[in-house]
Protein backbone atom coordinates (compact mmCIF):
# COMPACT_ATOMS: atom_id res chain seq x y z
CA UNK A 1 0.00 0.00 0.00
CA UNK A 2 1.77 3.11 -1.19
CA UNK A 3 -0.92 5.77 -0.85
CA UNK A 4 -3.79 6.54 1.41
CA UNK A 5 -6.02 9.20 0.03
CA UNK A 6 -8.41 10.41 2.68
CA UNK A 7 -10.35 12.39 0.11
CA UNK A 8 -10.63 9.22 -1.99
CA UNK A 9 -11.96 7.32 1.00
CA UNK A 10 -14.71 9.89 1.41
CA UNK A 11 -15.40 9.74 -2.33
CA UNK A 12 -15.64 5.95 -2.16
CA UNK A 13 -18.24 6.34 0.54
CA UNK A 14 -20.32 8.60 -1.68
CA UNK A 15 -20.18 6.15 -4.58
CA UNK A 16 -20.71 2.97 -2.56
CA UNK A 17 -23.32 0.86 -4.35
CA UNK A 18 -25.25 0.07 -1.15
CA UNK A 19 -26.18 3.74 -0.77
CA UNK A 20 -29.22 5.09 -2.52
CA UNK A 21 -28.10 8.70 -2.12
CA UNK A 22 -24.90 10.53 -1.18
CA UNK A 23 -24.25 11.10 2.51
CA UNK A 24 -25.64 14.27 4.00
CA UNK A 25 -22.87 16.69 4.89
CA UNK A 26 -23.36 19.69 7.10
CA UNK A 27 -20.90 22.57 6.94
CA UNK A 28 -20.05 24.61 9.99
CA UNK A 29 -17.42 27.08 11.09
CA UNK A 30 -18.53 26.78 14.73
CA UNK A 31 -15.62 25.17 16.53
CA UNK A 32 -17.72 24.69 19.68
CA UNK A 33 -20.27 22.58 17.78
CA UNK A 34 -17.55 20.36 16.35
CA UNK A 35 -15.69 19.92 19.65
CA UNK A 36 -18.99 19.10 21.38
CA UNK A 37 -19.26 16.03 19.12
CA UNK A 38 -15.99 14.70 20.55
CA UNK A 39 -16.71 12.01 23.11
CA UNK A 40 -15.27 8.52 23.53
CA UNK A 41 -13.02 7.07 20.83
CA UNK A 42 -11.71 9.58 18.27
CA UNK A 43 -9.68 8.44 15.26
CA UNK A 44 -7.67 10.98 13.29
CA UNK A 45 -6.38 10.28 9.77
CA UNK A 46 -4.00 12.59 7.93
CA UNK A 47 -1.04 14.90 8.39
CA UNK A 48 -2.70 18.12 9.59
CA UNK A 49 -5.94 18.56 11.45
CA UNK A 50 -7.67 21.88 10.95
CA UNK A 51 -6.89 25.11 12.70
CA UNK A 52 -4.67 25.60 15.74
CA UNK A 53 -7.75 26.22 17.96
CA UNK A 54 -9.21 22.88 16.77
CA UNK A 55 -5.94 21.11 17.57
CA UNK A 56 -5.84 22.75 21.00
CA UNK A 57 -9.42 21.63 21.59
CA UNK A 58 -8.48 18.03 20.78
CA UNK A 59 -5.49 18.23 23.16
CA UNK A 60 -7.66 19.67 25.92
CA UNK A 61 -10.31 16.95 25.52
CA UNK A 62 -7.63 14.26 25.49
CA UNK A 63 -5.97 15.70 28.59
CA UNK A 64 -9.30 15.85 30.45
CA UNK A 65 -10.06 12.22 29.62
CA UNK A 66 -13.19 13.10 27.62
CA UNK A 67 -11.74 11.30 24.58
CA UNK A 68 -9.22 8.64 23.66
CA UNK A 69 -7.35 9.19 20.42
CA UNK A 70 -5.75 7.11 17.69
CA UNK A 71 -3.82 8.89 14.95
CA UNK A 72 -2.88 7.42 11.58
CA UNK A 73 -0.39 9.59 9.74
CA UNK A 74 2.66 9.47 7.48
CA UNK A 75 6.12 8.74 8.89
CA UNK A 76 7.21 12.30 7.99
CA UNK A 77 4.33 13.82 10.01
CA UNK A 78 4.46 11.44 12.98
CA UNK A 79 6.86 13.66 14.99
CA UNK A 80 4.23 16.44 14.83
CA UNK A 81 1.90 14.15 16.80
CA UNK A 82 4.17 14.04 19.88
CA UNK A 83 1.86 16.30 21.96
CA UNK A 84 -1.00 13.86 21.36
CA UNK A 85 1.21 10.85 22.08
CA UNK A 86 2.45 12.45 25.30
CA UNK A 87 -1.17 12.57 26.49
CA UNK A 88 -1.76 8.88 25.70
CA UNK A 89 -2.83 8.87 22.06
CA UNK A 90 -1.80 5.91 19.93
CA UNK A 91 0.08 7.10 16.85
CA UNK A 92 0.60 4.78 13.89
CA UNK A 93 2.07 5.40 10.45
CA UNK A 94 1.59 4.27 6.89
CA UNK A 95 4.11 4.87 4.11
CA UNK A 96 1.68 7.23 2.45
CA UNK A 97 0.96 10.75 1.37
CA UNK A 98 -2.33 11.92 2.82
CA UNK A 99 -4.30 14.37 0.70
CA UNK A 100 -6.53 15.63 3.48
CA UNK A 101 -7.57 14.82 6.99
CA UNK A 102 -10.53 13.16 8.62
CA UNK A 103 -11.67 12.68 12.20
CA UNK A 104 -14.05 9.86 13.07
CA UNK A 105 -15.87 10.07 16.37
CA UNK A 106 -16.89 6.44 16.86
CA UNK A 107 -20.62 6.07 16.30
CA UNK A 108 -21.23 9.83 16.23
CA UNK A 109 -19.71 11.67 13.26
CA UNK A 110 -17.15 11.91 10.50
CA UNK A 111 -15.51 15.34 10.53
CA UNK A 112 -13.52 16.74 7.63
CA UNK A 113 -11.52 19.89 8.48
CA UNK A 114 -11.70 22.11 5.40
CA UNK A 115 -8.60 23.84 4.06
CA UNK A 116 -10.47 27.13 3.65
CA UNK A 117 -11.64 26.91 7.27
CA UNK A 118 -14.58 25.30 8.96
CA UNK A 119 -15.67 21.68 8.84
CA UNK A 120 -17.84 19.28 6.89
CA UNK A 121 -19.68 16.88 9.22
CA UNK A 122 -21.45 13.60 8.37
CA UNK A 123 -23.68 12.14 11.08
CA UNK A 124 -25.51 9.29 9.34
CA UNK A 125 -24.93 5.93 11.09
CA UNK A 126 -24.50 4.07 7.78
CA UNK A 127 -21.87 6.53 6.54
CA UNK A 128 -20.03 6.53 9.85
CA UNK A 129 -20.01 2.72 9.93
CA UNK A 130 -18.70 2.48 6.38
CA UNK A 131 -15.90 4.96 7.04
CA UNK A 132 -14.96 3.25 10.31
CA UNK A 133 -14.79 -0.11 8.53
CA UNK A 134 -12.69 1.23 5.69
CA UNK A 135 -10.25 3.00 7.99
CA UNK A 136 -9.91 -0.07 10.26
CA UNK A 137 -8.35 -1.83 7.30
CA UNK A 138 -5.59 0.79 7.24
CA UNK A 139 -5.05 0.43 10.99
CA UNK A 140 -4.38 -3.28 10.55
CA UNK A 141 -1.43 -2.64 8.24
CA UNK A 142 -0.03 0.46 9.96
CA UNK A 143 3.04 0.54 12.19
CA UNK A 144 3.25 2.02 15.70
CA UNK A 145 5.26 5.22 15.99
């Protein structure tokens, strides 16, 4: 496996034959709304994860014990995940070039930080389950950092 394309994973979800219609995506720039979704297991895929305030929010939630975190990133970006790892996050790598980032809050939402700011959020249980299943396959072949 040479490449993981997070954007392609989301596109695969949209074109999955079992779906009658594309997943419903909400857009928001409200950081509080997005951070309020974060509870329980949070999986992060990619090299960069939104704005600095979003990253600080993730660190704060991890430090408080409100969330547990797994990060899947490239070997080149893994050192940037040291603050998360220091707070107990599991960080794994794939020899890949990520084209975007994605955060999956187990059973609650798929969050895509947008490069122009804000977030796209999917909350449908079918979509979340499909993305979780797809990303679990990458976890199985990743290496601990």
